[in-house]
Amino acid sequence: MALTQIGPNSTEGQVAPGLHREVIQSIGTTERQLLASESGSLVILDASDQITIRLPTPVAGMTFDFLTTISVTTSDTHKIITKTIATEFLLGGIDSSSTAVAEGGDTFTAVTGDSFVAITSNGSTTGGLLGQKFTLTAISATRWAVSGLLCGTGTLATPFATS
């Protein structure tokens, strides 16, 4: 595939007015399957109700950013899950901070790369509060690398899940 040149190369770089990435929002309470063609998108978690987003089959280099703009209620969850849970897994780590000053923060990891298939934010201990942001980047045909920051309350717990 050939790349299209936006303008002349220079040591100062380039500005491409009007270019922006796709924003996916207003997902609702039904499950949303992301498409490979939506790679590079910002997915806005903008409901306090249940949101479930299924990732596409990973292709190395594919990436999605997730941003919470409305905190999830503690009776619901925001869940990001792999498309094929038997063969596609999450790998990496995610920082989590608590609104309770005494609790501080923690880092949770999915280091084996062969068991965790979802990130679940519950509006409390596993995150889901306004302002959290994390990125999933496909690093192979079976693995998504995770990085970012979750915002929670109380004694923090891992957001990584096996289902």
N, C-alpha and C. Protein backbone atom coordinates (compact mmCIF):
# COMPACT_ATOMS: atom_id res chain seq x y z
N MET A 1 0.85 -1.17 0.00
CA MET A 1 0.00 0.00 0.00
C MET A 1 0.89 1.23 0.00
N ALA A 2 0.62 2.15 -0.86
CA ALA A 2 1.39 3.40 -0.94
C ALA A 2 0.76 4.44 -0.02
N LEU A 3 1.59 5.25 0.62
CA LEU A 3 1.11 6.32 1.48
C LEU A 3 0.91 7.58 0.65
N THR A 4 -0.10 8.33 0.97
CA THR A 4 -0.35 9.59 0.30
C THR A 4 0.37 10.70 1.05
N GLN A 5 1.13 11.51 0.33
CA GLN A 5 1.85 12.61 0.96
C GLN A 5 0.91 13.81 1.08
N ILE A 6 0.82 14.35 2.29
CA ILE A 6 -0.08 15.48 2.56
C ILE A 6 0.54 16.78 2.06
N GLY A 7 1.81 16.93 2.21
CA GLY A 7 2.49 18.14 1.80
C GLY A 7 3.98 17.88 1.74
N PRO A 8 4.78 18.90 1.42
CA PRO A 8 6.22 18.69 1.32
C PRO A 8 6.84 18.37 2.68
N ASN A 9 7.82 17.49 2.63
CA ASN A 9 8.54 17.16 3.86
C ASN A 9 9.46 18.31 4.24
N SER A 10 9.52 18.62 5.52
CA SER A 10 10.43 19.66 5.99
C SER A 10 10.82 19.35 7.42
N THR A 11 11.84 20.03 7.92
CA THR A 11 12.27 19.80 9.29
C THR A 11 11.26 20.32 10.30
N GLU A 12 10.37 21.21 9.87
CA GLU A 12 9.35 21.76 10.78
C GLU A 12 8.13 20.86 10.91
N GLY A 13 7.99 19.84 10.05
CA GLY A 13 6.83 18.97 10.08
C GLY A 13 5.71 19.50 9.20
N GLN A 14 4.51 18.97 9.39
CA GLN A 14 3.37 19.33 8.56
C GLN A 14 2.14 19.59 9.43
N VAL A 15 1.27 20.42 8.94
CA VAL A 15 -0.03 20.63 9.54
C VAL A 15 -1.06 20.25 8.49
N ALA A 16 -2.02 19.41 8.87
CA ALA A 16 -3.05 18.99 7.93
C ALA A 16 -4.40 19.46 8.47
N PRO A 17 -4.80 20.70 8.16
CA PRO A 17 -6.05 21.24 8.67
C PRO A 17 -7.24 20.37 8.29
N GLY A 18 -8.15 20.20 9.24
CA GLY A 18 -9.37 19.47 8.97
C GLY A 18 -9.30 17.97 9.20
N LEU A 19 -8.10 17.43 9.37
CA LEU A 19 -8.00 16.00 9.62
C LEU A 19 -8.33 15.71 11.08
N HIS A 20 -9.15 14.73 11.31
CA HIS A 20 -9.45 14.29 12.67
C HIS A 20 -9.85 12.83 12.62
N ARG A 21 -9.89 12.20 13.76
CA ARG A 21 -10.24 10.79 13.77
C ARG A 21 -11.72 10.60 14.05
N GLU A 22 -12.18 9.42 13.75
CA GLU A 22 -13.58 9.09 13.96
C GLU A 22 -13.88 9.00 15.46
N VAL A 23 -15.05 9.48 15.85
CA VAL A 23 -15.51 9.39 17.22
C VAL A 23 -16.75 8.51 17.23
N ILE A 24 -16.72 7.49 18.08
CA ILE A 24 -17.85 6.58 18.23
C ILE A 24 -18.48 6.87 19.58
N GLN A 25 -19.77 7.23 19.60
CA GLN A 25 -20.44 7.55 20.86
C GLN A 25 -21.91 7.19 20.77
N SER A 26 -22.64 7.46 21.85
CA SER A 26 -24.07 7.14 21.94
C SER A 26 -24.31 5.68 21.60
N ILE A 27 -23.58 4.81 22.27
CA ILE A 27 -23.61 3.38 21.99
C ILE A 27 -24.90 2.73 22.48
N GLY A 28 -25.42 3.20 23.60
CA GLY A 28 -26.65 2.61 24.14
C GLY A 28 -26.38 1.34 24.91
N THR A 29 -27.42 0.63 25.27
CA THR A 29 -27.28 -0.53 26.13
C THR A 29 -27.14 -1.85 25.37
N THR A 30 -27.24 -1.83 24.04
CA THR A 30 -27.00 -3.05 23.29
C THR A 30 -25.52 -3.18 23.02
N GLU A 31 -25.07 -4.41 22.81
CA GLU A 31 -23.65 -4.64 22.54
C GLU A 31 -23.26 -3.99 21.21
N ARG A 32 -22.10 -3.35 21.19
CA ARG A 32 -21.58 -2.69 19.97
C ARG A 32 -20.33 -3.43 19.53
N GLN A 33 -20.36 -3.96 18.32
CA GLN A 33 -19.20 -4.63 17.73
C GLN A 33 -18.40 -3.58 16.96
N LEU A 34 -17.15 -3.33 17.40
CA LEU A 34 -16.28 -2.43 16.65
C LEU A 34 -15.82 -3.12 15.37
N LEU A 35 -15.59 -2.33 14.33
CA LEU A 35 -15.14 -2.85 13.05
C LEU A 35 -13.65 -2.57 12.86
N ALA A 36 -12.98 -3.43 12.12
CA ALA A 36 -11.56 -3.21 11.83
C ALA A 36 -11.37 -1.86 11.15
N SER A 37 -12.31 -1.46 10.31
CA SER A 37 -12.21 -0.18 9.60
C SER A 37 -12.32 1.02 10.53
N GLU A 38 -12.74 0.80 11.78
CA GLU A 38 -12.85 1.89 12.75
C GLU A 38 -11.59 2.05 13.60
N SER A 39 -10.54 1.27 13.29
CA SER A 39 -9.28 1.39 14.01
C SER A 39 -8.81 2.84 14.00
N GLY A 40 -8.29 3.29 15.12
CA GLY A 40 -7.84 4.68 15.27
C GLY A 40 -8.90 5.56 15.89
N SER A 41 -10.09 5.02 16.08
CA SER A 41 -11.21 5.80 16.61
C SER A 41 -11.09 6.05 18.11
N LEU A 42 -11.77 7.12 18.53
CA LEU A 42 -11.99 7.40 19.94
C LEU A 42 -13.39 6.91 20.26
N VAL A 43 -13.48 5.98 21.21
CA VAL A 43 -14.77 5.44 21.63
C VAL A 43 -15.15 6.12 22.93
N ILE A 44 -16.25 6.86 22.89
CA ILE A 44 -16.69 7.61 24.07
C ILE A 44 -17.74 6.80 24.82
N LEU A 45 -17.45 6.51 26.07
CA LEU A 45 -18.39 5.81 26.94
C LEU A 45 -19.23 6.88 27.62
N ASP A 46 -20.40 7.14 27.04
CA ASP A 46 -21.19 8.31 27.43
C ASP A 46 -22.58 7.95 27.96
N ALA A 47 -22.64 6.88 28.74
CA ALA A 47 -23.91 6.51 29.36
C ALA A 47 -23.63 5.95 30.74
N SER A 48 -24.52 6.21 31.67
CA SER A 48 -24.37 5.66 33.02
C SER A 48 -24.88 4.23 33.09
N ASP A 49 -25.57 3.80 32.04
CA ASP A 49 -26.10 2.43 31.98
C ASP A 49 -25.06 1.47 31.42
N GLN A 50 -25.46 0.22 31.33
CA GLN A 50 -24.63 -0.85 30.79
C GLN A 50 -24.16 -0.52 29.38
N ILE A 51 -22.85 -0.64 29.13
CA ILE A 51 -22.29 -0.54 27.79
C ILE A 51 -21.37 -1.75 27.61
N THR A 52 -21.56 -2.48 26.51
CA THR A 52 -20.66 -3.58 26.17
C THR A 52 -20.15 -3.34 24.77
N ILE A 53 -18.82 -3.34 24.64
CA ILE A 53 -18.18 -3.13 23.35
C ILE A 53 -17.29 -4.33 23.06
N ARG A 54 -17.51 -4.95 21.91
CA ARG A 54 -16.71 -6.09 21.50
C ARG A 54 -15.68 -5.61 20.48
N LEU A 55 -14.43 -5.96 20.73
CA LEU A 55 -13.34 -5.58 19.83
C LEU A 55 -13.39 -6.41 18.55
N PRO A 56 -12.84 -5.89 17.45
CA PRO A 56 -12.75 -6.71 16.24
C PRO A 56 -11.62 -7.74 16.40
N THR A 57 -11.55 -8.68 15.48
CA THR A 57 -10.42 -9.61 15.46
C THR A 57 -9.15 -8.78 15.32
N PRO A 58 -8.17 -8.98 16.22
CA PRO A 58 -6.98 -8.11 16.18
C PRO A 58 -6.10 -8.32 14.95
N VAL A 59 -5.64 -7.22 14.41
CA VAL A 59 -4.62 -7.18 13.35
C VAL A 59 -3.56 -6.23 13.88
N ALA A 60 -2.31 -6.68 13.93
CA ALA A 60 -1.23 -5.88 14.52
C ALA A 60 -1.27 -4.44 14.01
N GLY A 61 -1.25 -3.50 14.96
CA GLY A 61 -1.26 -2.07 14.64
C GLY A 61 -2.62 -1.42 14.81
N MET A 62 -3.66 -2.21 14.86
CA MET A 62 -5.01 -1.68 15.07
C MET A 62 -5.07 -1.08 16.47
N THR A 63 -5.76 0.07 16.64
CA THR A 63 -5.81 0.71 17.95
C THR A 63 -7.15 1.41 18.18
N PHE A 64 -7.57 1.41 19.44
CA PHE A 64 -8.79 2.10 19.86
C PHE A 64 -8.52 2.79 21.19
N ASP A 65 -8.96 4.04 21.31
CA ASP A 65 -8.91 4.77 22.57
C ASP A 65 -10.31 4.81 23.14
N PHE A 66 -10.42 4.68 24.47
CA PHE A 66 -11.70 4.72 25.17
C PHE A 66 -11.65 5.84 26.20
N LEU A 67 -12.71 6.66 26.25
CA LEU A 67 -12.80 7.78 27.18
C LEU A 67 -14.18 7.77 27.83
N THR A 68 -14.22 7.83 29.15
CA THR A 68 -15.48 7.88 29.88
C THR A 68 -15.88 9.33 30.11
N THR A 69 -17.04 9.72 29.57
CA THR A 69 -17.52 11.09 29.73
C THR A 69 -18.73 11.18 30.66
N ILE A 70 -19.31 10.04 31.00
CA ILE A 70 -20.39 9.96 32.00
C ILE A 70 -20.09 8.75 32.87
N SER A 71 -20.00 8.93 34.18
CA SER A 71 -19.69 7.83 35.08
C SER A 71 -20.76 6.75 35.03
N VAL A 72 -20.31 5.51 35.04
CA VAL A 72 -21.25 4.38 35.07
C VAL A 72 -21.82 4.26 36.49
N THR A 73 -23.09 3.93 36.59
CA THR A 73 -23.69 3.72 37.91
C THR A 73 -23.20 2.40 38.47
N THR A 74 -23.17 2.29 39.78
CA THR A 74 -22.64 1.07 40.40
C THR A 74 -23.54 -0.14 40.20
N SER A 75 -24.72 0.03 39.64
CA SER A 75 -25.58 -1.13 39.34
C SER A 75 -25.37 -1.63 37.90
N ASP A 76 -24.52 -0.95 37.13
CA ASP A 76 -24.23 -1.32 35.75
C ASP A 76 -22.72 -1.44 35.55
N THR A 77 -22.30 -1.77 34.33
CA THR A 77 -20.87 -1.83 34.01
C THR A 77 -20.63 -1.33 32.60
N HIS A 78 -19.40 -0.87 32.37
CA HIS A 78 -18.89 -0.64 31.03
C HIS A 78 -17.90 -1.77 30.79
N LYS A 79 -18.10 -2.52 29.73
CA LYS A 79 -17.27 -3.70 29.47
C LYS A 79 -16.74 -3.67 28.05
N ILE A 80 -15.42 -3.84 27.92
CA ILE A 80 -14.74 -3.96 26.63
C ILE A 80 -14.23 -5.39 26.58
N ILE A 81 -14.62 -6.16 25.56
CA ILE A 81 -14.29 -7.58 25.52
C ILE A 81 -13.76 -7.98 24.14
N THR A 82 -12.89 -8.97 24.11
CA THR A 82 -12.35 -9.45 22.84
C THR A 82 -13.44 -10.15 22.04
N LYS A 83 -13.24 -10.23 20.74
CA LYS A 83 -14.26 -10.83 19.86
C LYS A 83 -14.37 -12.34 20.10
N THR A 84 -13.23 -13.01 20.17
CA THR A 84 -13.21 -14.46 20.36
C THR A 84 -12.51 -14.76 21.68
N ILE A 85 -13.29 -14.94 22.74
CA ILE A 85 -12.70 -15.04 24.08
C ILE A 85 -11.86 -16.30 24.29
N ALA A 86 -11.98 -17.30 23.44
CA ALA A 86 -11.18 -18.51 23.60
C ALA A 86 -9.76 -18.34 23.07
N THR A 87 -9.55 -17.35 22.19
CA THR A 87 -8.24 -17.25 21.52
C THR A 87 -7.65 -15.84 21.48
N GLU A 88 -8.37 -14.82 21.93
CA GLU A 88 -7.88 -13.43 21.89
C GLU A 88 -7.83 -12.89 23.31
N PHE A 89 -6.68 -12.30 23.67
CA PHE A 89 -6.46 -11.94 25.06
C PHE A 89 -5.88 -10.54 25.22
N LEU A 90 -6.00 -10.01 26.45
CA LEU A 90 -5.44 -8.70 26.81
C LEU A 90 -4.11 -8.92 27.50
N LEU A 91 -3.20 -7.99 27.26
CA LEU A 91 -1.85 -8.06 27.82
C LEU A 91 -1.42 -6.65 28.17
N GLY A 92 -0.77 -6.48 29.31
CA GLY A 92 -0.27 -5.16 29.68
C GLY A 92 -0.73 -4.76 31.05
N GLY A 93 -0.80 -3.45 31.27
CA GLY A 93 -1.19 -2.95 32.58
C GLY A 93 -1.97 -1.67 32.46
N ILE A 94 -2.69 -1.37 33.52
CA ILE A 94 -3.50 -0.17 33.55
C ILE A 94 -3.43 0.41 34.96
N ASP A 95 -3.20 1.71 35.05
CA ASP A 95 -3.18 2.38 36.34
C ASP A 95 -4.61 2.71 36.74
N SER A 96 -4.84 2.73 38.04
CA SER A 96 -6.16 3.07 38.54
C SER A 96 -5.99 4.00 39.72
N SER A 97 -6.78 5.07 39.75
CA SER A 97 -6.71 6.01 40.86
C SER A 97 -8.06 6.07 41.54
N SER A 98 -8.04 6.32 42.85
CA SER A 98 -9.26 6.38 43.64
C SER A 98 -9.57 7.82 44.01
N THR A 99 -10.85 8.15 44.04
CA THR A 99 -11.25 9.48 44.47
C THR A 99 -11.07 9.64 45.98
N ALA A 100 -10.93 8.52 46.69
CA ALA A 100 -10.68 8.57 48.13
C ALA A 100 -9.19 8.80 48.36
N VAL A 101 -8.83 9.93 48.94
CA VAL A 101 -7.42 10.30 49.13
C VAL A 101 -6.65 9.22 49.87
N ALA A 102 -7.26 8.61 50.86
CA ALA A 102 -6.57 7.60 51.66
C ALA A 102 -6.26 6.34 50.85
N GLU A 103 -7.01 6.11 49.79
CA GLU A 103 -6.80 4.90 48.99
C GLU A 103 -5.69 5.07 47.96
N GLY A 104 -5.50 6.27 47.44
CA GLY A 104 -4.44 6.51 46.45
C GLY A 104 -4.71 5.83 45.14
N GLY A 105 -3.76 5.02 44.67
CA GLY A 105 -3.91 4.37 43.38
C GLY A 105 -3.23 3.02 43.36
N ASP A 106 -3.35 2.33 42.23
CA ASP A 106 -2.76 1.02 42.07
C ASP A 106 -2.56 0.76 40.59
N THR A 107 -1.76 -0.24 40.27
CA THR A 107 -1.57 -0.68 38.90
C THR A 107 -2.00 -2.13 38.82
N PHE A 108 -2.82 -2.44 37.82
CA PHE A 108 -3.28 -3.80 37.63
C PHE A 108 -2.73 -4.31 36.31
N THR A 109 -2.29 -5.58 36.30
CA THR A 109 -1.64 -6.12 35.11
C THR A 109 -2.31 -7.39 34.61
N ALA A 110 -2.17 -7.57 33.33
CA ALA A 110 -2.55 -8.80 32.65
C ALA A 110 -1.29 -9.25 31.94
N VAL A 111 -0.40 -9.91 32.67
CA VAL A 111 0.95 -10.17 32.14
C VAL A 111 1.10 -11.53 31.47
N THR A 112 0.19 -12.46 31.69
CA THR A 112 0.37 -13.77 31.06
C THR A 112 -0.07 -13.77 29.61
N GLY A 113 -1.02 -12.89 29.26
CA GLY A 113 -1.48 -12.79 27.88
C GLY A 113 -2.28 -13.98 27.40
N ASP A 114 -2.78 -14.81 28.35
CA ASP A 114 -3.53 -15.99 27.93
C ASP A 114 -4.77 -16.28 28.78
N SER A 115 -5.23 -15.27 29.54
CA SER A 115 -6.42 -15.54 30.35
C SER A 115 -7.41 -14.38 30.39
N PHE A 116 -6.96 -13.14 30.37
CA PHE A 116 -7.89 -12.01 30.49
C PHE A 116 -8.42 -11.61 29.13
N VAL A 117 -9.75 -11.44 29.05
CA VAL A 117 -10.39 -11.12 27.77
C VAL A 117 -11.23 -9.85 27.84
N ALA A 118 -11.34 -9.23 29.02
CA ALA A 118 -12.22 -8.07 29.15
C ALA A 118 -11.69 -7.08 30.18
N ILE A 119 -12.09 -5.82 30.00
CA ILE A 119 -11.91 -4.78 31.01
C ILE A 119 -13.33 -4.38 31.42
N THR A 120 -13.60 -4.49 32.70
CA THR A 120 -14.93 -4.18 33.21
C THR A 120 -14.84 -3.09 34.25
N SER A 121 -15.53 -1.98 34.03
CA SER A 121 -15.57 -0.87 34.98
C SER A 121 -16.96 -0.85 35.61
N ASN A 122 -16.99 -0.87 36.95
CA ASN A 122 -18.27 -0.99 37.66
C ASN A 122 -18.76 0.30 38.32
N GLY A 123 -18.09 1.42 38.04
CA GLY A 123 -18.50 2.68 38.65
C GLY A 123 -18.03 2.84 40.08
N SER A 124 -17.18 1.93 40.50
CA SER A 124 -16.68 1.96 41.87
C SER A 124 -15.24 1.45 41.89
N THR A 125 -15.00 0.26 42.42
CA THR A 125 -13.66 -0.25 42.66
C THR A 125 -12.87 -0.60 41.40
N THR A 126 -13.55 -0.90 40.29
CA THR A 126 -12.82 -1.24 39.06
C THR A 126 -12.88 -0.12 38.02
N GLY A 127 -13.19 1.09 38.46
CA GLY A 127 -13.20 2.24 37.57
C GLY A 127 -14.57 2.51 36.99
N GLY A 128 -14.58 3.39 36.00
CA GLY A 128 -15.83 3.75 35.34
C GLY A 128 -16.28 5.16 35.63
N LEU A 129 -15.41 5.95 36.30
CA LEU A 129 -15.78 7.32 36.60
C LEU A 129 -15.35 8.26 35.49
N LEU A 130 -15.98 9.39 35.46
CA LEU A 130 -15.74 10.44 34.49
C LEU A 130 -14.24 10.72 34.33
N GLY A 131 -13.77 10.77 33.09
CA GLY A 131 -12.40 11.17 32.80
C GLY A 131 -11.41 10.04 32.60
N GLN A 132 -11.81 8.81 32.83
CA GLN A 132 -10.83 7.74 32.63
C GLN A 132 -10.59 7.53 31.15
N LYS A 133 -9.36 7.14 30.81
CA LYS A 133 -8.99 6.95 29.40
C LYS A 133 -7.99 5.81 29.30
N PHE A 134 -8.23 4.93 28.36
CA PHE A 134 -7.28 3.84 28.12
C PHE A 134 -7.26 3.48 26.65
N THR A 135 -6.19 2.79 26.25
CA THR A 135 -5.97 2.44 24.85
C THR A 135 -5.75 0.94 24.73
N LEU A 136 -6.32 0.37 23.68
CA LEU A 136 -6.07 -1.02 23.32
C LEU A 136 -5.44 -1.03 21.94
N THR A 137 -4.28 -1.67 21.83
CA THR A 137 -3.55 -1.75 20.57
C THR A 137 -3.28 -3.21 20.25
N ALA A 138 -3.68 -3.65 19.06
CA ALA A 138 -3.41 -5.03 18.65
C ALA A 138 -1.92 -5.18 18.38
N ILE A 139 -1.32 -6.20 18.99
CA ILE A 139 0.10 -6.45 18.80
C ILE A 139 0.35 -7.76 18.05
N SER A 140 -0.71 -8.54 17.84
CA SER A 140 -0.64 -9.77 17.05
C SER A 140 -2.06 -10.17 16.66
N ALA A 141 -2.21 -11.33 16.07
CA ALA A 141 -3.53 -11.81 15.68
C ALA A 141 -4.32 -12.37 16.87
N THR A 142 -3.69 -12.39 18.06
CA THR A 142 -4.37 -12.95 19.24
C THR A 142 -4.23 -12.08 20.49
N ARG A 143 -3.51 -10.96 20.43
CA ARG A 143 -3.25 -10.17 21.63
C ARG A 143 -3.52 -8.68 21.42
N TRP A 144 -4.13 -8.08 22.47
CA TRP A 144 -4.34 -6.63 22.56
C TRP A 144 -3.51 -6.12 23.72
N ALA A 145 -2.68 -5.11 23.50
CA ALA A 145 -1.92 -4.46 24.57
C ALA A 145 -2.78 -3.36 25.17
N VAL A 146 -2.75 -3.26 26.50
CA VAL A 146 -3.58 -2.32 27.25
C VAL A 146 -2.69 -1.31 27.95
N SER A 147 -3.09 -0.03 27.93
CA SER A 147 -2.43 1.00 28.73
C SER A 147 -3.43 2.10 29.01
N GLY A 148 -3.23 2.81 30.12
CA GLY A 148 -4.12 3.93 30.41
C GLY A 148 -4.37 4.12 31.88
N LEU A 149 -5.43 4.89 32.17
CA LEU A 149 -5.77 5.24 33.54
C LEU A 149 -7.27 5.08 33.76
N LEU A 150 -7.61 4.33 34.81
CA LEU A 150 -9.00 4.19 35.22
C LEU A 150 -9.22 5.05 36.46
N CYS A 151 -10.44 5.51 36.66
CA CYS A 151 -10.80 6.31 37.83
C CYS A 151 -11.89 5.58 38.59
N GLY A 152 -11.63 5.30 39.87
CA GLY A 152 -12.58 4.56 40.69
C GLY A 152 -12.75 5.17 42.07
N THR A 153 -13.41 4.44 42.93
CA THR A 153 -13.61 4.88 44.32
C THR A 153 -13.31 3.71 45.26
N GLY A 154 -12.99 4.05 46.50
CA GLY A 154 -12.80 3.02 47.52
C GLY A 154 -11.55 2.21 47.29
N THR A 155 -11.54 0.97 47.81
CA THR A 155 -10.43 0.06 47.65
C THR A 155 -10.48 -0.52 46.26
N LEU A 156 -9.48 -0.16 45.45
CA LEU A 156 -9.48 -0.52 44.03
C LEU A 156 -9.26 -2.02 43.81
N ALA A 157 -9.84 -2.52 42.72
CA ALA A 157 -9.72 -3.93 42.36
C ALA A 157 -9.41 -4.02 40.87
N THR A 158 -8.92 -5.17 40.44
CA THR A 158 -8.55 -5.32 39.04
C THR A 158 -9.77 -5.20 38.12
N PRO A 159 -9.61 -4.47 37.01
CA PRO A 159 -10.68 -4.37 36.03
C PRO A 159 -10.63 -5.52 35.01
N PHE A 160 -9.55 -6.31 35.04
CA PHE A 160 -9.38 -7.39 34.08
C PHE A 160 -10.28 -8.57 34.45
N ALA A 161 -10.94 -9.14 33.44
CA ALA A 161 -11.84 -10.26 33.68
C ALA A 161 -11.58 -11.37 32.66
N THR A 162 -11.96 -12.58 33.03
CA THR A 162 -11.76 -13.75 32.17
C THR A 162 -13.00 -14.10 31.36
N SER A 163 -14.04 -13.31 31.49
CA SER A 163 -15.25 -13.55 30.69
C SER A 163 -15.97 -12.26 30.42
